[in-house]
């Protein structure tokens, strides 16, 4: 069983940066391809970025060049560094496996980009 806890969100001005963390419990973390997702108000949950067990990454087009996903298997943690944030990045951000497992969804971390 894996439990995922997201943290690091908050209120930031346009152009600012935030770093999200996702702490995972459970020994199978190292064997999972992980991802960040986000859900804006009134919209579906979308894929933001993925990272394989070996560290290969993928980004949705809107995040390329601005977001960086990384992982530390020794700490069972996945990170999302977000730069040049814009109001349209406002959403609740979640981590999960890729493909996502229903039982792994956590509470998410709210990111609000506003002046």
N, C-alpha and C. Protein backbone atom coordinates (compact mmCIF):
# COMPACT_ATOMS: atom_id res chain seq x y z
N UNK A 1 0.84 -1.19 0.00
CA UNK A 1 0.00 0.00 0.00
C UNK A 1 0.88 1.24 0.00
N UNK A 2 0.48 2.25 -0.73
CA UNK A 2 1.22 3.50 -0.83
C UNK A 2 0.31 4.64 -0.40
N UNK A 3 0.84 5.51 0.43
CA UNK A 3 0.15 6.75 0.76
C UNK A 3 1.01 7.91 0.27
N UNK A 4 0.35 8.88 -0.34
CA UNK A 4 1.04 10.03 -0.92
C UNK A 4 0.55 11.30 -0.25
N UNK A 5 1.49 12.15 0.17
CA UNK A 5 1.14 13.40 0.83
C UNK A 5 1.85 14.54 0.11
N UNK A 6 1.05 15.42 -0.49
CA UNK A 6 1.59 16.57 -1.21
C UNK A 6 1.74 17.76 -0.27
N UNK A 7 2.75 18.59 -0.54
CA UNK A 7 2.96 19.81 0.23
C UNK A 7 3.71 20.83 -0.63
N UNK A 8 3.74 22.06 -0.13
CA UNK A 8 4.53 23.09 -0.80
C UNK A 8 3.74 24.11 -1.59
N UNK A 9 2.43 23.93 -1.66
CA UNK A 9 1.62 24.88 -2.41
C UNK A 9 1.44 26.19 -1.64
N UNK A 10 0.75 27.12 -2.27
CA UNK A 10 0.50 28.40 -1.63
C UNK A 10 0.09 29.44 -2.64
N UNK A 11 0.13 30.69 -2.19
CA UNK A 11 -0.21 31.84 -3.04
C UNK A 11 1.08 32.47 -3.55
N UNK A 12 1.15 32.70 -4.84
CA UNK A 12 2.34 33.28 -5.45
C UNK A 12 1.91 34.27 -6.53
N UNK A 13 2.71 35.28 -6.72
CA UNK A 13 2.42 36.27 -7.75
C UNK A 13 2.80 35.74 -9.14
N UNK A 14 2.16 36.25 -10.18
CA UNK A 14 2.56 35.84 -11.54
C UNK A 14 4.06 36.05 -11.76
N UNK A 15 4.68 35.06 -12.38
CA UNK A 15 6.12 35.09 -12.58
C UNK A 15 6.91 34.44 -11.46
N UNK A 16 6.25 34.10 -10.38
CA UNK A 16 6.93 33.51 -9.24
C UNK A 16 7.15 32.01 -9.37
N UNK A 17 7.71 31.43 -8.31
CA UNK A 17 8.06 30.01 -8.31
C UNK A 17 7.57 29.33 -7.04
N UNK A 18 7.33 28.04 -7.16
CA UNK A 18 7.01 27.19 -6.03
C UNK A 18 7.62 25.82 -6.27
N UNK A 19 7.90 25.12 -5.20
CA UNK A 19 8.37 23.74 -5.29
C UNK A 19 7.44 22.85 -4.49
N UNK A 20 6.80 21.93 -5.17
CA UNK A 20 5.92 20.97 -4.53
C UNK A 20 6.69 19.71 -4.19
N UNK A 21 6.30 19.08 -3.09
CA UNK A 21 6.87 17.80 -2.69
C UNK A 21 5.76 16.79 -2.52
N UNK A 22 6.09 15.55 -2.79
CA UNK A 22 5.15 14.44 -2.61
C UNK A 22 5.89 13.34 -1.88
N UNK A 23 5.54 13.16 -0.61
CA UNK A 23 6.18 12.14 0.20
C UNK A 23 5.36 10.86 0.13
N UNK A 24 6.04 9.77 -0.15
CA UNK A 24 5.36 8.48 -0.32
C UNK A 24 5.78 7.51 0.78
N UNK A 25 4.81 6.82 1.30
CA UNK A 25 5.09 5.71 2.20
C UNK A 25 5.00 4.42 1.39
N UNK A 26 5.62 3.37 1.88
CA UNK A 26 5.54 2.11 1.15
C UNK A 26 6.80 1.82 0.37
N UNK A 27 7.22 0.57 0.38
CA UNK A 27 8.49 0.18 -0.20
C UNK A 27 8.44 0.07 -1.72
N UNK A 28 7.22 0.11 -2.31
CA UNK A 28 7.16 -0.07 -3.76
C UNK A 28 7.37 1.24 -4.51
N UNK A 29 7.57 2.34 -3.79
CA UNK A 29 7.70 3.65 -4.45
C UNK A 29 8.76 3.60 -5.55
N UNK A 30 9.88 2.99 -5.26
CA UNK A 30 10.99 2.97 -6.21
C UNK A 30 10.62 2.26 -7.51
N UNK A 31 9.62 1.40 -7.47
CA UNK A 31 9.24 0.65 -8.66
C UNK A 31 8.15 1.33 -9.47
N UNK A 32 7.67 2.47 -9.01
CA UNK A 32 6.56 3.16 -9.67
C UNK A 32 7.03 4.28 -10.58
N UNK A 33 6.42 4.35 -11.75
CA UNK A 33 6.51 5.58 -12.53
C UNK A 33 5.57 6.57 -11.88
N UNK A 34 6.04 7.77 -11.61
CA UNK A 34 5.27 8.76 -10.86
C UNK A 34 4.91 9.94 -11.75
N UNK A 35 3.92 10.69 -11.30
CA UNK A 35 3.45 11.82 -12.08
C UNK A 35 2.83 12.87 -11.18
N UNK A 36 2.80 14.07 -11.68
CA UNK A 36 2.02 15.15 -11.09
C UNK A 36 0.84 15.43 -12.02
N UNK A 37 -0.29 15.70 -11.37
CA UNK A 37 -1.51 16.05 -12.07
C UNK A 37 -2.04 17.35 -11.44
N UNK A 38 -2.94 18.01 -12.13
CA UNK A 38 -3.58 19.18 -11.54
C UNK A 38 -5.02 19.29 -11.98
N UNK A 39 -5.80 19.91 -11.11
CA UNK A 39 -7.22 20.11 -11.40
C UNK A 39 -7.59 21.54 -11.06
N UNK A 40 -7.94 22.29 -12.09
CA UNK A 40 -8.38 23.66 -11.91
C UNK A 40 -9.89 23.67 -11.62
N UNK A 41 -10.38 24.74 -10.99
CA UNK A 41 -11.80 24.80 -10.68
C UNK A 41 -12.68 24.59 -11.91
N UNK A 42 -13.63 23.66 -11.81
CA UNK A 42 -14.55 23.41 -12.89
C UNK A 42 -13.99 22.63 -14.05
N UNK A 43 -12.77 22.12 -13.92
CA UNK A 43 -12.14 21.39 -15.02
C UNK A 43 -11.75 19.98 -14.58
N UNK A 44 -11.42 19.16 -15.56
CA UNK A 44 -10.98 17.80 -15.26
C UNK A 44 -9.53 17.81 -14.78
N UNK A 45 -9.15 16.73 -14.15
CA UNK A 45 -7.77 16.57 -13.69
C UNK A 45 -6.89 16.23 -14.89
N UNK A 46 -5.81 16.98 -15.05
CA UNK A 46 -4.92 16.82 -16.19
C UNK A 46 -3.53 16.41 -15.77
N UNK A 47 -2.84 15.73 -16.67
CA UNK A 47 -1.46 15.35 -16.43
C UNK A 47 -0.55 16.56 -16.58
N UNK A 48 0.38 16.72 -15.66
CA UNK A 48 1.36 17.81 -15.70
C UNK A 48 2.70 17.28 -16.18
N UNK A 49 3.21 16.24 -15.52
CA UNK A 49 4.53 15.71 -15.84
C UNK A 49 4.65 14.30 -15.27
N UNK A 50 5.54 13.51 -15.88
CA UNK A 50 5.80 12.17 -15.39
C UNK A 50 7.30 11.96 -15.24
N UNK A 51 7.67 11.00 -14.41
CA UNK A 51 9.06 10.62 -14.25
C UNK A 51 9.12 9.11 -14.05
N UNK A 52 9.99 8.46 -14.83
CA UNK A 52 10.11 7.01 -14.72
C UNK A 52 10.96 6.62 -13.50
N UNK A 53 11.04 5.34 -13.27
CA UNK A 53 11.84 4.83 -12.16
C UNK A 53 13.31 5.24 -12.32
N UNK A 54 13.77 5.35 -13.54
CA UNK A 54 15.14 5.71 -13.82
C UNK A 54 15.39 7.19 -14.00
N UNK A 55 14.33 7.99 -13.96
CA UNK A 55 14.50 9.44 -14.01
C UNK A 55 14.19 10.10 -15.34
N UNK A 56 13.70 9.34 -16.33
CA UNK A 56 13.29 9.96 -17.59
C UNK A 56 11.99 10.72 -17.36
N UNK A 57 11.89 11.88 -18.02
CA UNK A 57 10.77 12.77 -17.75
C UNK A 57 9.94 13.06 -19.00
N UNK A 58 8.71 13.46 -18.74
CA UNK A 58 7.78 13.91 -19.79
C UNK A 58 6.99 15.08 -19.23
N UNK A 59 6.72 16.07 -20.09
CA UNK A 59 5.95 17.24 -19.66
C UNK A 59 4.81 17.51 -20.64
N UNK A 60 3.68 17.90 -20.10
CA UNK A 60 2.62 18.42 -20.95
C UNK A 60 3.14 19.70 -21.62
N UNK A 61 2.62 19.99 -22.79
CA UNK A 61 3.16 21.10 -23.58
C UNK A 61 3.18 22.42 -22.81
N UNK A 62 2.14 22.70 -22.06
CA UNK A 62 2.03 23.99 -21.38
C UNK A 62 3.07 24.15 -20.26
N UNK A 63 3.70 23.06 -19.85
CA UNK A 63 4.65 23.10 -18.75
C UNK A 63 6.10 23.04 -19.21
N UNK A 64 6.33 22.71 -20.47
CA UNK A 64 7.70 22.56 -20.96
C UNK A 64 8.47 23.86 -20.79
N UNK A 65 9.66 23.74 -20.22
CA UNK A 65 10.51 24.90 -20.03
C UNK A 65 10.24 25.68 -18.76
N UNK A 66 9.13 25.37 -18.09
CA UNK A 66 8.79 26.08 -16.86
C UNK A 66 8.81 25.17 -15.63
N UNK A 67 8.37 23.93 -15.80
CA UNK A 67 8.27 22.99 -14.68
C UNK A 67 9.35 21.92 -14.80
N UNK A 68 9.80 21.44 -13.65
CA UNK A 68 10.78 20.35 -13.61
C UNK A 68 10.34 19.32 -12.58
N UNK A 69 10.18 18.09 -13.03
CA UNK A 69 9.85 17.00 -12.12
C UNK A 69 11.13 16.24 -11.79
N UNK A 70 11.24 15.81 -10.54
CA UNK A 70 12.40 15.04 -10.12
C UNK A 70 11.97 14.10 -9.00
N UNK A 71 12.83 13.17 -8.67
CA UNK A 71 12.52 12.23 -7.61
C UNK A 71 13.79 11.88 -6.85
N UNK A 72 13.61 11.57 -5.57
CA UNK A 72 14.68 11.10 -4.71
C UNK A 72 14.21 9.77 -4.12
N UNK A 73 14.65 8.68 -4.71
CA UNK A 73 14.18 7.37 -4.27
C UNK A 73 14.62 7.04 -2.85
N UNK A 74 15.74 7.60 -2.42
CA UNK A 74 16.19 7.36 -1.05
C UNK A 74 15.25 8.00 -0.03
N UNK A 75 14.60 9.08 -0.45
CA UNK A 75 13.67 9.78 0.44
C UNK A 75 12.21 9.47 0.11
N UNK A 76 11.99 8.60 -0.87
CA UNK A 76 10.61 8.29 -1.28
C UNK A 76 9.82 9.56 -1.59
N UNK A 77 10.41 10.46 -2.33
CA UNK A 77 9.80 11.76 -2.57
C UNK A 77 9.92 12.15 -4.05
N UNK A 78 8.83 12.72 -4.54
CA UNK A 78 8.80 13.30 -5.88
C UNK A 78 8.61 14.80 -5.74
N UNK A 79 9.28 15.56 -6.59
CA UNK A 79 9.21 17.02 -6.53
C UNK A 79 8.68 17.59 -7.84
N UNK A 80 8.13 18.79 -7.74
CA UNK A 80 7.76 19.55 -8.93
C UNK A 80 8.19 20.99 -8.71
N UNK A 81 9.24 21.40 -9.41
CA UNK A 81 9.69 22.78 -9.38
C UNK A 81 8.93 23.55 -10.44
N UNK A 82 8.23 24.59 -10.05
CA UNK A 82 7.40 25.36 -10.96
C UNK A 82 7.91 26.80 -11.01
N UNK A 83 8.32 27.22 -12.19
CA UNK A 83 8.81 28.58 -12.40
C UNK A 83 7.90 29.33 -13.37
N UNK A 84 8.04 30.63 -13.39
CA UNK A 84 7.26 31.47 -14.31
C UNK A 84 5.77 31.15 -14.22
N UNK A 85 5.28 31.04 -13.01
CA UNK A 85 3.89 30.68 -12.81
C UNK A 85 2.95 31.78 -13.31
N UNK A 86 1.83 31.34 -13.86
CA UNK A 86 0.83 32.24 -14.40
C UNK A 86 -0.53 31.94 -13.78
N UNK A 87 -1.47 32.87 -13.84
CA UNK A 87 -2.79 32.62 -13.24
C UNK A 87 -3.44 31.34 -13.73
N UNK A 88 -3.19 30.96 -14.95
CA UNK A 88 -3.79 29.72 -15.47
C UNK A 88 -3.19 28.46 -14.86
N UNK A 89 -2.13 28.61 -14.09
CA UNK A 89 -1.55 27.47 -13.37
C UNK A 89 -2.27 27.23 -12.04
N UNK A 90 -3.18 28.10 -11.68
CA UNK A 90 -3.93 27.93 -10.45
C UNK A 90 -4.73 26.64 -10.49
N UNK A 91 -4.51 25.79 -9.50
CA UNK A 91 -5.14 24.47 -9.46
C UNK A 91 -4.74 23.76 -8.17
N UNK A 92 -5.39 22.64 -7.92
CA UNK A 92 -4.93 21.72 -6.90
C UNK A 92 -4.01 20.72 -7.60
N UNK A 93 -2.82 20.56 -7.07
CA UNK A 93 -1.82 19.68 -7.66
C UNK A 93 -1.74 18.38 -6.86
N UNK A 94 -1.76 17.27 -7.58
CA UNK A 94 -1.71 15.94 -6.98
C UNK A 94 -0.55 15.14 -7.55
N UNK A 95 0.00 14.28 -6.74
CA UNK A 95 0.92 13.28 -7.28
C UNK A 95 0.24 11.92 -7.22
N UNK A 96 0.67 11.05 -8.10
CA UNK A 96 0.13 9.70 -8.17
C UNK A 96 1.05 8.90 -9.07
N UNK A 97 0.78 7.64 -9.18
CA UNK A 97 1.51 6.82 -10.13
C UNK A 97 1.03 7.17 -11.54
N UNK A 98 1.75 6.64 -12.52
CA UNK A 98 1.36 6.81 -13.92
C UNK A 98 1.33 5.43 -14.55
N UNK A 99 0.17 4.88 -14.92
CA UNK A 99 -1.14 5.48 -14.79
C UNK A 99 -1.57 5.58 -13.33
N UNK A 100 -2.48 6.51 -13.04
CA UNK A 100 -2.85 6.74 -11.64
C UNK A 100 -3.65 5.58 -11.06
N UNK A 101 -3.47 5.38 -9.76
CA UNK A 101 -4.20 4.38 -9.00
C UNK A 101 -5.23 5.10 -8.15
N UNK A 102 -6.47 4.70 -8.21
CA UNK A 102 -7.52 5.39 -7.48
C UNK A 102 -7.21 5.47 -6.00
N UNK A 103 -6.68 4.40 -5.46
CA UNK A 103 -6.45 4.37 -4.00
C UNK A 103 -5.26 5.22 -3.59
N UNK A 104 -4.49 5.76 -4.53
CA UNK A 104 -3.32 6.57 -4.18
C UNK A 104 -3.63 8.07 -4.13
N UNK A 105 -4.79 8.50 -4.60
CA UNK A 105 -5.06 9.93 -4.61
C UNK A 105 -5.04 10.49 -3.20
N UNK A 106 -4.31 11.57 -3.00
CA UNK A 106 -4.26 12.26 -1.73
C UNK A 106 -5.09 13.52 -1.75
N UNK A 107 -4.81 14.41 -0.82
CA UNK A 107 -5.58 15.64 -0.70
C UNK A 107 -5.13 16.71 -1.69
N UNK A 108 -3.95 16.55 -2.20
CA UNK A 108 -3.44 17.55 -3.13
C UNK A 108 -2.89 18.77 -2.42
N UNK A 109 -2.31 19.65 -3.21
CA UNK A 109 -1.74 20.89 -2.68
C UNK A 109 -2.22 22.04 -3.55
N UNK A 110 -2.85 23.03 -2.91
CA UNK A 110 -3.43 24.15 -3.65
C UNK A 110 -2.34 25.13 -4.06
N UNK A 111 -2.34 25.46 -5.34
CA UNK A 111 -1.45 26.49 -5.87
C UNK A 111 -2.33 27.60 -6.45
N UNK A 112 -2.14 28.81 -5.96
CA UNK A 112 -2.90 29.95 -6.44
C UNK A 112 -1.93 31.01 -6.94
N UNK A 113 -2.10 31.38 -8.20
CA UNK A 113 -1.24 32.39 -8.80
C UNK A 113 -2.09 33.63 -9.05
N UNK A 114 -1.78 34.68 -8.29
CA UNK A 114 -2.60 35.88 -8.37
C UNK A 114 -1.80 37.07 -7.86
N UNK A 115 -2.09 38.22 -8.44
CA UNK A 115 -1.46 39.45 -7.95
C UNK A 115 -2.34 40.13 -6.92
